[in-house]
Amino acid sequence: MEVRAELTATVWKVVAEVGATVAEGDELVILESMKMEIPVVAPAAGTVSEMRVAEEDRISEGDVVAVIEVS
């Protein structure tokens, strides 16, 4: 399952790492836009199989930030 950014922003912090088990609602990354912190959360429980962003990356709305293998 691809997790996409809902807005254009800068990646402020990567919270989850590849191989991490996450529950629905767990933070994966925190974006920064207009001095606001916006969390990107896991839409379902599973394992993070890919993290496609790094801290300080500039991303656009719709970009894939992570991939989760749903359990």
C-alpha atoms as a PDB file:
ATOM      1  CA  MET A   1       0.000   0.000   0.000  1.00  0.00           C
ATOM      2  CA  GLU A   2       1.479   3.313  -1.078  1.00  0.00           C
ATOM      3  CA  VAL A   3       1.253   6.199   1.384  1.00  0.00           C
ATOM      4  CA  ARG A   4       1.101   9.558  -0.385  1.00  0.00           C
ATOM      5  CA  ALA A   5       1.667  13.146   0.699  1.00  0.00           C
ATOM      6  CA  GLU A   6      -1.484  15.228   0.932  1.00  0.00           C
ATOM      7  CA  LEU A   7       0.330  18.508   0.248  1.00  0.00           C
ATOM      8  CA  THR A   8       3.513  20.065  -1.058  1.00  0.00           C
ATOM      9  CA  ALA A   9       5.971  20.327   1.834  1.00  0.00           C
ATOM     10  CA  THR A  10       9.437  19.613   3.177  1.00  0.00           C
ATOM     11  CA  VAL A  11      10.146  16.380   5.059  1.00  0.00           C
ATOM     12  CA  TRP A  12      10.971  17.589   8.561  1.00  0.00           C
ATOM     13  CA  LYS A  13      11.451  14.199  10.242  1.00  0.00           C
ATOM     14  CA  VAL A  14      11.345  10.536   9.236  1.00  0.00           C
ATOM     15  CA  VAL A  15       9.766   8.673  12.160  1.00  0.00           C
ATOM     16  CA  ALA A  16       9.449   5.081  10.875  1.00  0.00           C
ATOM     17  CA  GLU A  17      12.206   3.057   9.249  1.00  0.00           C
ATOM     18  CA  VAL A  18      12.149   0.183   6.780  1.00  0.00           C
ATOM     19  CA  GLY A  19      11.241  -3.049   8.557  1.00  0.00           C
ATOM     20  CA  ALA A  20       9.266  -1.306  11.309  1.00  0.00           C
ATOM     21  CA  THR A  21       5.890  -2.730  12.265  1.00  0.00           C
ATOM     22  CA  VAL A  22       3.257   0.012  12.357  1.00  0.00           C
ATOM     23  CA  ALA A  23      -0.347   0.196  13.515  1.00  0.00           C
ATOM     24  CA  GLU A  24      -3.050   2.148  11.739  1.00  0.00           C
ATOM     25  CA  GLY A  25      -2.564   5.810  12.651  1.00  0.00           C
ATOM     26  CA  ASP A  26       1.137   5.548  13.544  1.00  0.00           C
ATOM     27  CA  GLU A  27       3.273   8.433  12.279  1.00  0.00           C
ATOM     28  CA  LEU A  28       5.566   7.603   9.362  1.00  0.00           C
ATOM     29  CA  VAL A  29       6.991  11.037   8.575  1.00  0.00           C
ATOM     30  CA  ILE A  30       6.372  14.605   9.667  1.00  0.00           C
ATOM     31  CA  LEU A  31       6.102  17.250   6.974  1.00  0.00           C
ATOM     32  CA  GLU A  32       6.676  20.976   7.410  1.00  0.00           C
ATOM     33  CA  SER A  33       4.734  23.529   5.424  1.00  0.00           C
ATOM     34  CA  MET A  34       4.291  27.202   6.259  1.00  0.00           C
ATOM     35  CA  LYS A  35       5.856  26.586   9.714  1.00  0.00           C
ATOM     36  CA  MET A  36       3.250  23.927  10.539  1.00  0.00           C
ATOM     37  CA  GLU A  37       4.080  20.286  11.262  1.00  0.00           C
ATOM     38  CA  ILE A  38       1.838  17.819   9.455  1.00  0.00           C
ATOM     39  CA  PRO A  39       2.104  14.106  10.285  1.00  0.00           C
ATOM     40  CA  VAL A  40       1.720  11.462   7.574  1.00  0.00           C
ATOM     41  CA  VAL A  41       0.224   8.395   9.246  1.00  0.00           C
ATOM     42  CA  ALA A  42      -0.119   4.739   8.326  1.00  0.00           C
ATOM     43  CA  PRO A  43      -3.554   4.107   6.788  1.00  0.00           C
ATOM     44  CA  ALA A  44      -3.419   0.449   7.897  1.00  0.00           C
ATOM     45  CA  ALA A  45      -1.380  -1.879  10.100  1.00  0.00           C
ATOM     46  CA  GLY A  46       1.606  -3.580   8.512  1.00  0.00           C
ATOM     47  CA  THR A  47       5.342  -3.429   7.922  1.00  0.00           C
ATOM     48  CA  VAL A  48       7.180  -0.531   6.293  1.00  0.00           C
ATOM     49  CA  SER A  49       8.767  -2.063   3.190  1.00  0.00           C
ATOM     50  CA  GLU A  50      10.018   1.164   1.571  1.00  0.00           C
ATOM     51  CA  MET A  51      10.695   4.704   2.760  1.00  0.00           C
ATOM     52  CA  ARG A  52      10.936   6.899  -0.327  1.00  0.00           C
ATOM     53  CA  VAL A  53      11.830  10.187   1.353  1.00  0.00           C
ATOM     54  CA  ALA A  54      14.609  11.510   3.555  1.00  0.00           C
ATOM     55  CA  GLU A  55      14.738  14.441   5.944  1.00  0.00           C
ATOM     56  CA  GLU A  56      14.852  17.814   4.170  1.00  0.00           C
ATOM     57  CA  ASP A  57      13.471  16.381   0.896  1.00  0.00           C
ATOM     58  CA  ARG A  58      11.023  18.668  -0.891  1.00  0.00           C
ATOM     59  CA  ILE A  59       7.929  16.711  -1.946  1.00  0.00           C
ATOM     60  CA  SER A  60       4.793  17.487  -3.919  1.00  0.00           C
ATOM     61  CA  GLU A  61       1.161  16.612  -3.283  1.00  0.00           C
ATOM     62  CA  GLY A  62       0.591  12.994  -4.309  1.00  0.00           C
ATOM     63  CA  ASP A  63       4.224  11.882  -4.003  1.00  0.00           C
ATOM     64  CA  VAL A  64       4.687   8.436  -2.439  1.00  0.00           C
ATOM     65  CA  VAL A  65       6.467   8.823   0.914  1.00  0.00           C
ATOM     66  CA  ALA A  66       6.366   5.186   2.057  1.00  0.00           C
ATOM     67  CA  VAL A  67       5.120   1.731   1.128  1.00  0.00           C
ATOM     68  CA  ILE A  68       3.486  -0.542   3.714  1.00  0.00           C
ATOM     69  CA  GLU A  69       2.983  -4.286   3.377  1.00  0.00           C
ATOM     70  CA  VAL A  70      -0.435  -4.668   4.993  1.00  0.00           C
ATOM     71  CA  SER A  71      -0.725  -7.493   7.523  1.00  0.00           C
END
